[in-house]
N, C-alpha and C. Protein backbone atom coordinates (compact mmCIF):
# COMPACT_ATOMS: atom_id res chain seq x y z
N MET A 1 35.85 56.24 53.67
CA MET A 1 35.34 55.18 54.23
C MET A 1 34.42 54.38 53.21
N LEU A 2 34.50 53.12 53.06
CA LEU A 2 33.66 52.43 51.98
C LEU A 2 32.99 51.26 53.13
N ASP A 3 31.62 51.02 52.46
CA ASP A 3 31.02 50.01 53.10
C ASP A 3 30.99 48.91 52.19
N PRO A 4 30.33 47.78 52.64
CA PRO A 4 30.42 46.35 51.81
C PRO A 4 29.97 46.62 50.44
N ASP A 5 29.05 47.55 50.13
CA ASP A 5 28.64 47.85 48.67
C ASP A 5 29.51 48.83 47.70
N ASP A 6 30.71 49.18 48.73
CA ASP A 6 31.77 50.03 48.03
C ASP A 6 31.31 51.59 47.76
N ARG A 7 30.00 51.69 48.66
CA ARG A 7 29.81 53.36 48.57
C ARG A 7 30.77 53.98 49.63
N VAL A 8 31.05 55.48 49.22
CA VAL A 8 31.86 56.05 50.22
C VAL A 8 31.08 57.21 50.99
N LEU A 9 31.64 57.14 52.25
CA LEU A 9 30.74 58.12 53.00
C LEU A 9 31.62 59.48 53.01
N LEU A 10 30.87 60.39 52.77
CA LEU A 10 31.42 61.77 52.55
C LEU A 10 30.57 62.78 53.48
N VAL A 11 31.26 63.96 53.85
CA VAL A 11 30.84 65.00 54.67
C VAL A 11 30.53 66.36 53.89
N ARG A 12 29.43 66.91 53.90
CA ARG A 12 29.35 68.28 53.32
C ARG A 12 29.57 69.45 54.08
N PHE A 13 30.66 70.28 53.56
CA PHE A 13 31.17 71.43 54.60
C PHE A 13 30.53 72.72 53.70
N VAL A 14 30.13 73.50 54.64
CA VAL A 14 29.54 74.97 54.10
C VAL A 14 30.56 75.98 54.65
N ASN A 15 31.35 76.69 53.84
CA ASN A 15 32.16 77.86 54.27
C ASN A 15 31.34 78.96 54.87
N PRO A 16 31.50 79.21 56.23
CA PRO A 16 30.84 80.18 56.75
C PRO A 16 30.70 81.71 56.25
N GLU A 17 31.81 82.00 55.60
CA GLU A 17 31.79 83.14 55.20
C GLU A 17 31.32 83.36 53.67
N THR A 18 31.45 82.40 52.95
CA THR A 18 31.26 82.29 51.43
C THR A 18 29.94 81.82 51.09
N GLY A 19 29.62 80.80 51.98
CA GLY A 19 28.47 79.98 51.63
C GLY A 19 28.82 78.64 50.68
N ASP A 20 30.13 78.78 50.19
CA ASP A 20 30.58 77.75 49.21
C ASP A 20 30.42 76.44 49.89
N GLU A 21 29.93 75.40 49.01
CA GLU A 21 29.79 74.04 49.57
C GLU A 21 30.66 72.99 48.86
N PHE A 22 31.11 72.18 49.66
CA PHE A 22 31.99 70.75 49.16
C PHE A 22 31.72 69.70 50.05
N TRP A 23 32.11 68.48 49.38
CA TRP A 23 31.94 67.30 49.92
C TRP A 23 33.45 66.89 50.10
N ALA A 24 33.70 66.32 51.33
CA ALA A 24 35.15 65.69 51.41
C ALA A 24 35.07 64.54 52.45
N THR A 25 36.05 63.86 52.53
CA THR A 25 36.20 62.65 53.36
C THR A 25 36.04 63.07 54.80
N PRO A 26 35.47 62.19 55.72
CA PRO A 26 35.47 62.35 57.38
C PRO A 26 37.00 62.78 57.63
N GLY A 27 37.07 63.47 58.84
CA GLY A 27 38.42 63.63 59.25
C GLY A 27 38.78 65.26 59.88
N GLY A 28 40.02 65.22 60.10
CA GLY A 28 40.08 66.81 60.81
C GLY A 28 41.77 66.60 61.24
N GLY A 29 41.67 67.77 61.96
CA GLY A 29 43.07 67.90 62.37
C GLY A 29 43.31 67.09 63.73
N LEU A 30 44.71 66.75 64.11
CA LEU A 30 45.25 66.04 64.93
C LEU A 30 45.42 66.74 66.25
N ASP A 31 44.82 66.36 67.36
CA ASP A 31 45.20 67.05 68.43
C ASP A 31 46.61 66.89 69.13
N PRO A 32 47.04 67.77 69.76
CA PRO A 32 48.70 67.38 70.12
C PRO A 32 48.84 66.41 70.99
N GLY A 33 50.01 65.69 70.43
CA GLY A 33 50.43 64.42 71.23
C GLY A 33 49.48 63.07 70.45
N LYS A 34 48.59 63.21 69.82
CA LYS A 34 47.67 62.25 69.14
C LYS A 34 48.32 61.80 67.88
N GLY A 35 48.38 60.51 67.52
CA GLY A 35 48.63 59.97 66.27
C GLY A 35 47.56 59.90 65.20
N LEU A 36 47.95 59.57 63.99
CA LEU A 36 47.09 59.56 63.02
C LEU A 36 45.79 58.81 63.25
N GLU A 37 46.06 57.45 63.54
CA GLU A 37 44.86 56.57 64.03
C GLU A 37 43.92 57.11 64.98
N ASP A 38 44.44 57.60 66.19
CA ASP A 38 43.60 58.22 67.34
C ASP A 38 42.85 59.28 66.73
N GLY A 39 43.49 60.33 66.04
CA GLY A 39 42.79 61.30 65.48
C GLY A 39 41.70 61.08 64.39
N LEU A 40 41.74 60.20 63.56
CA LEU A 40 40.62 59.56 62.79
C LEU A 40 39.65 58.79 63.37
N ARG A 41 40.10 58.10 64.52
CA ARG A 41 38.90 57.44 65.19
C ARG A 41 38.22 58.40 65.95
N ARG A 42 38.71 59.52 66.36
CA ARG A 42 37.95 60.52 67.05
C ARG A 42 37.00 61.21 66.12
N GLU A 43 37.63 61.64 64.90
CA GLU A 43 36.83 62.24 64.01
C GLU A 43 35.72 61.61 63.57
N LEU A 44 35.81 60.22 63.31
CA LEU A 44 34.87 59.37 62.84
C LEU A 44 33.70 59.19 63.74
N ARG A 45 34.23 59.04 64.96
CA ARG A 45 33.02 59.26 66.16
C ARG A 45 32.17 60.48 66.12
N GLU A 46 32.90 61.54 66.06
CA GLU A 46 32.36 62.83 66.29
C GLU A 46 31.50 63.12 64.75
N GLU A 47 31.99 62.85 63.60
CA GLU A 47 31.32 63.37 62.35
C GLU A 47 30.26 62.16 61.82
N THR A 48 30.43 60.88 62.22
CA THR A 48 29.63 59.96 61.83
C THR A 48 29.05 58.98 62.88
N GLY A 49 29.58 59.00 64.02
CA GLY A 49 29.14 58.08 65.18
C GLY A 49 29.74 56.72 64.97
N LEU A 50 30.41 56.54 64.19
CA LEU A 50 31.15 55.09 63.98
C LEU A 50 32.15 54.86 65.08
N GLU A 51 32.07 53.88 65.83
CA GLU A 51 32.78 53.62 67.07
C GLU A 51 34.28 52.62 66.54
N ASP A 52 33.78 51.63 65.91
CA ASP A 52 34.83 50.70 65.51
C ASP A 52 34.87 50.64 64.08
N ALA A 53 36.22 51.08 63.63
CA ALA A 53 36.31 51.09 61.92
C ALA A 53 37.56 50.19 61.89
N GLU A 54 37.56 49.31 60.66
CA GLU A 54 38.86 48.59 60.14
C GLU A 54 39.67 49.78 59.32
N LEU A 55 40.64 50.22 60.15
CA LEU A 55 41.53 51.31 59.57
C LEU A 55 42.71 50.50 58.63
N GLY A 56 42.76 50.91 57.44
CA GLY A 56 43.58 50.34 56.47
C GLY A 56 44.81 51.08 56.13
N PRO A 57 45.61 50.96 55.10
CA PRO A 57 46.75 51.81 54.79
C PRO A 57 46.35 53.15 54.42
N VAL A 58 47.17 54.16 54.33
CA VAL A 58 47.11 55.43 53.83
C VAL A 58 47.26 55.09 52.26
N VAL A 59 46.19 55.43 51.49
CA VAL A 59 46.07 55.28 50.09
C VAL A 59 46.36 56.49 49.35
N TRP A 60 45.96 57.74 49.80
CA TRP A 60 45.97 58.99 49.00
C TRP A 60 46.54 60.11 49.96
N THR A 61 47.23 60.95 49.30
CA THR A 61 47.77 62.22 50.22
C THR A 61 47.23 63.35 49.31
N ARG A 62 47.07 64.65 49.96
CA ARG A 62 46.95 65.77 49.28
C ARG A 62 47.22 66.65 50.19
N ARG A 63 47.72 68.06 49.51
CA ARG A 63 47.98 69.20 50.10
C ARG A 63 46.90 70.41 49.56
N GLU A 64 46.60 71.34 50.48
CA GLU A 64 45.64 72.32 49.86
C GLU A 64 45.81 73.59 50.83
N GLU A 65 45.66 74.64 50.05
CA GLU A 65 45.72 75.85 50.97
C GLU A 65 44.24 76.62 50.54
N PHE A 66 43.56 77.21 51.61
CA PHE A 66 42.49 77.78 51.30
C PHE A 66 41.91 78.86 52.40
N LEU A 67 41.11 79.56 52.06
CA LEU A 67 40.44 80.38 53.12
C LEU A 67 39.30 79.84 53.55
N TRP A 68 39.16 80.12 55.17
CA TRP A 68 38.13 79.36 55.81
C TRP A 68 38.09 80.28 57.05
N ALA A 69 36.84 80.80 57.32
CA ALA A 69 36.37 81.63 58.44
C ALA A 69 37.61 82.72 58.66
N GLY A 70 37.92 83.42 57.63
CA GLY A 70 38.71 84.41 57.80
C GLY A 70 40.35 84.22 58.01
N GLN A 71 40.61 82.74 57.92
CA GLN A 71 42.07 82.38 58.04
C GLN A 71 42.51 81.79 56.78
N THR A 72 43.72 81.78 56.48
CA THR A 72 44.27 80.76 55.29
C THR A 72 44.57 79.47 55.91
N LEU A 73 44.01 78.43 55.69
CA LEU A 73 44.40 77.18 56.11
C LEU A 73 45.32 76.42 55.21
N ARG A 74 46.30 75.80 55.63
CA ARG A 74 47.18 74.93 54.94
C ARG A 74 47.20 73.42 55.44
N GLN A 75 46.65 72.73 54.65
CA GLN A 75 46.48 71.13 55.04
C GLN A 75 47.11 70.23 54.44
N SER A 76 47.65 69.24 54.94
CA SER A 76 48.45 68.10 54.47
C SER A 76 47.64 66.91 55.01
N GLU A 77 46.93 66.37 54.01
CA GLU A 77 46.14 65.12 54.22
C GLU A 77 46.77 63.79 54.14
N ARG A 78 46.57 62.89 54.94
CA ARG A 78 46.79 61.38 54.54
C ARG A 78 45.29 61.02 54.55
N ILE A 79 44.90 60.12 53.51
CA ILE A 79 43.68 59.57 53.60
C ILE A 79 43.82 58.00 53.47
N LEU A 80 43.25 57.48 54.83
CA LEU A 80 43.31 55.87 54.86
C LEU A 80 42.20 55.23 54.28
N LEU A 81 42.26 54.18 53.88
CA LEU A 81 41.13 53.19 53.54
C LEU A 81 40.50 52.82 54.65
N VAL A 82 39.27 53.04 55.04
CA VAL A 82 38.51 52.38 56.15
C VAL A 82 37.25 51.79 55.61
N ARG A 83 37.32 50.55 56.05
CA ARG A 83 36.09 49.58 55.68
C ARG A 83 35.24 49.61 56.90
N ALA A 84 33.89 49.69 56.61
CA ALA A 84 33.00 49.80 57.79
C ALA A 84 31.76 49.09 57.13
N PRO A 85 30.84 48.64 58.05
CA PRO A 85 29.59 48.22 57.63
C PRO A 85 28.77 49.23 57.38
N SER A 86 27.63 48.95 56.48
CA SER A 86 26.57 49.90 56.28
C SER A 86 26.00 50.46 57.56
N PHE A 87 25.79 51.75 57.73
CA PHE A 87 25.06 52.10 58.75
C PHE A 87 24.69 53.68 58.55
N ASP A 88 23.51 54.10 59.31
CA ASP A 88 23.00 55.35 59.20
C ASP A 88 23.93 56.21 60.19
N PRO A 89 24.60 57.17 59.50
CA PRO A 89 25.51 58.21 60.20
C PRO A 89 24.84 58.66 61.52
N ARG A 90 25.15 58.79 62.53
CA ARG A 90 24.74 59.50 63.62
C ARG A 90 25.90 60.00 64.41
N PRO A 91 26.10 61.45 64.15
CA PRO A 91 27.35 61.94 64.58
C PRO A 91 27.17 62.14 66.13
N GLN A 92 28.28 62.07 66.93
CA GLN A 92 28.08 62.38 68.29
C GLN A 92 27.99 63.79 68.73
N LEU A 93 28.56 64.54 67.75
CA LEU A 93 28.36 65.76 67.87
C LEU A 93 27.07 66.63 67.69
N SER A 94 26.55 67.46 68.39
CA SER A 94 25.20 68.13 68.12
C SER A 94 25.13 68.64 66.66
N ALA A 95 24.20 68.85 66.28
CA ALA A 95 24.01 69.72 64.81
C ALA A 95 24.43 70.96 65.00
N GLU A 96 24.33 71.83 66.30
CA GLU A 96 25.03 72.98 66.43
C GLU A 96 26.68 72.79 66.46
N GLN A 97 27.20 71.83 67.18
CA GLN A 97 28.47 71.75 67.08
C GLN A 97 29.21 71.34 65.91
N LEU A 98 28.41 70.60 64.78
CA LEU A 98 29.04 70.34 63.64
C LEU A 98 28.95 71.53 62.63
N ALA A 99 27.96 72.39 62.83
CA ALA A 99 27.48 73.46 62.15
C ALA A 99 28.69 74.42 62.49
N ALA A 100 28.98 74.50 63.40
CA ALA A 100 30.28 75.53 64.06
C ALA A 100 31.55 75.07 63.22
N GLU A 101 31.67 73.73 62.94
CA GLU A 101 32.98 73.30 62.21
C GLU A 101 32.72 73.19 60.76
N GLY A 102 31.49 73.82 60.17
CA GLY A 102 31.09 73.84 58.70
C GLY A 102 30.59 72.69 58.40
N VAL A 103 30.31 71.57 59.15
CA VAL A 103 29.59 70.24 58.68
C VAL A 103 28.18 70.42 58.71
N HIS A 104 27.47 70.11 57.65
CA HIS A 104 26.07 70.18 57.41
C HIS A 104 25.43 68.98 56.83
N GLU A 105 26.09 67.99 56.50
CA GLU A 105 25.42 66.89 56.20
C GLU A 105 26.50 65.67 56.13
N VAL A 106 26.24 64.50 56.40
CA VAL A 106 27.00 63.13 56.08
C VAL A 106 26.09 62.20 55.34
N ARG A 107 26.69 61.57 54.10
CA ARG A 107 26.01 60.78 53.46
C ARG A 107 26.80 59.70 52.71
N TRP A 108 26.40 58.51 52.31
CA TRP A 108 26.96 57.58 51.43
C TRP A 108 26.88 57.97 50.05
N TRP A 109 27.59 57.88 49.15
CA TRP A 109 27.62 58.00 47.80
C TRP A 109 28.02 56.79 46.99
N THR A 110 27.52 56.55 45.83
CA THR A 110 27.87 55.31 45.03
C THR A 110 28.79 56.04 44.11
N LEU A 111 29.69 55.20 43.59
CA LEU A 111 30.57 55.63 42.42
C LEU A 111 29.70 56.29 41.33
N ALA A 112 28.88 55.82 41.06
CA ALA A 112 27.99 56.23 39.80
C ALA A 112 27.47 57.64 40.25
N GLU A 113 27.11 57.83 41.54
CA GLU A 113 26.48 59.26 41.83
C GLU A 113 27.64 60.26 41.80
N LEU A 114 28.96 59.83 42.23
CA LEU A 114 29.93 60.81 42.16
C LEU A 114 30.26 61.11 40.72
N GLU A 115 30.19 60.05 39.84
CA GLU A 115 30.69 60.31 38.54
C GLU A 115 29.59 61.33 37.77
N CYS A 116 28.43 61.56 38.12
CA CYS A 116 27.39 62.18 37.37
C CYS A 116 26.99 63.38 38.38
N SER A 117 27.72 63.57 39.39
CA SER A 117 27.28 64.97 40.42
C SER A 117 27.88 66.20 39.93
N ASN A 118 27.18 67.17 39.99
CA ASN A 118 27.76 68.49 39.72
C ASN A 118 28.33 69.17 41.11
N ALA A 119 28.40 68.51 42.12
CA ALA A 119 28.87 68.88 43.41
C ALA A 119 30.24 69.01 43.56
N THR A 120 30.84 69.93 44.36
CA THR A 120 32.23 69.88 44.52
C THR A 120 32.77 69.00 45.28
N PHE A 121 33.88 68.23 44.92
CA PHE A 121 34.31 67.27 45.91
C PHE A 121 35.82 67.56 45.94
N TYR A 122 36.41 67.20 47.36
CA TYR A 122 37.81 67.16 47.61
C TYR A 122 37.86 65.71 48.20
N PRO A 123 39.06 65.15 47.57
CA PRO A 123 39.75 65.51 46.26
C PRO A 123 38.99 65.87 45.11
N THR A 124 39.34 66.63 44.35
CA THR A 124 38.63 67.03 43.24
C THR A 124 38.31 65.79 42.32
N ARG A 125 39.20 64.93 42.13
CA ARG A 125 39.12 63.80 41.01
C ARG A 125 38.84 62.44 42.15
N ILE A 126 37.92 62.66 43.02
CA ILE A 126 37.58 61.66 43.95
C ILE A 126 37.03 60.41 43.19
N ALA A 127 36.08 60.78 42.14
CA ALA A 127 35.58 59.50 41.45
C ALA A 127 36.56 58.84 40.66
N HIS A 128 37.42 59.42 39.83
CA HIS A 128 38.32 58.63 39.28
C HIS A 128 39.49 57.88 40.20
N SER A 129 39.60 58.58 41.41
CA SER A 129 40.60 57.99 42.42
C SER A 129 39.95 56.60 42.97
N LEU A 130 38.77 56.72 43.26
CA LEU A 130 37.77 55.63 43.93
C LEU A 130 37.91 54.69 42.90
N ARG A 131 37.40 54.93 41.73
CA ARG A 131 37.34 53.90 40.69
C ARG A 131 38.53 53.08 40.47
N ARG A 132 39.73 53.78 40.55
CA ARG A 132 41.13 53.08 40.28
C ARG A 132 41.19 52.18 41.74
N LEU A 133 41.06 52.84 42.89
CA LEU A 133 41.35 52.05 43.97
C LEU A 133 40.18 50.65 44.16
N LEU A 134 39.01 50.78 43.63
CA LEU A 134 38.35 49.72 43.46
C LEU A 134 38.78 48.62 42.77
N GLU A 135 39.16 49.36 41.54
CA GLU A 135 39.62 48.33 40.47
C GLU A 135 41.15 47.38 40.66
N THR A 136 41.96 48.21 41.42
CA THR A 136 43.52 47.69 41.68
C THR A 136 43.72 47.39 43.10
N GLY A 137 42.87 47.76 43.87
CA GLY A 137 43.11 47.61 45.38
C GLY A 137 44.09 48.86 46.03
N PRO A 138 44.17 48.72 47.11
CA PRO A 138 45.31 49.63 47.76
C PRO A 138 46.72 49.82 46.91
N PRO A 139 47.13 51.00 46.79
CA PRO A 139 48.53 51.01 46.32
C PRO A 139 49.54 50.67 47.30
N ASN A 140 50.77 50.45 46.77
CA ASN A 140 51.79 49.91 47.51
C ASN A 140 52.53 51.23 48.21
N GLU A 141 52.40 52.54 47.59
CA GLU A 141 52.56 53.83 48.23
C GLU A 141 51.48 54.64 48.07
N PRO A 142 51.24 55.47 48.99
CA PRO A 142 50.04 56.55 48.92
C PRO A 142 50.31 57.21 47.44
N ILE A 143 49.08 57.58 46.78
CA ILE A 143 49.21 58.44 45.62
C ILE A 143 48.68 59.60 46.03
N ASP A 144 49.47 60.62 45.38
CA ASP A 144 48.99 62.08 45.56
C ASP A 144 47.89 62.39 44.68
N VAL A 145 46.56 62.56 45.09
CA VAL A 145 45.66 62.78 44.32
C VAL A 145 45.27 64.26 44.27
N GLY A 146 46.29 65.35 44.38
CA GLY A 146 46.06 66.53 43.95
C GLY A 146 45.06 67.27 44.83
N VAL A 147 44.64 68.33 44.30
CA VAL A 147 43.73 69.36 45.03
C VAL A 147 42.42 68.49 45.25
């Protein structure tokens, strides 16, 4: 999700078992029978409070396997370009509900902040990928951005 100043909105997750922290794009699993756009709109409401967003094309994809809460999770992600006005994130879920999902913070990041941060991000090369997206626009086909 990008605002008019090209800041990207990211969510800070904390692994409940290890305490490891990382930042990632808002989103999550799809409910049975729901499509990508429905699932993304639900997750954006829950995690950020955003009701209406301009959903663009899928710009990136990635796959990852990792341990979370005692389970091995296998994720296949499609990351859409979402344009939104600048706003203060106000998740619809309570702090307790968010924490139960490992979500502990939502904030806007500038490209410069991403490039100089020591935080862990997923995709790991988000600063590089975002710079490319901002310079060249959405790709004709989604780009696999790796882990």
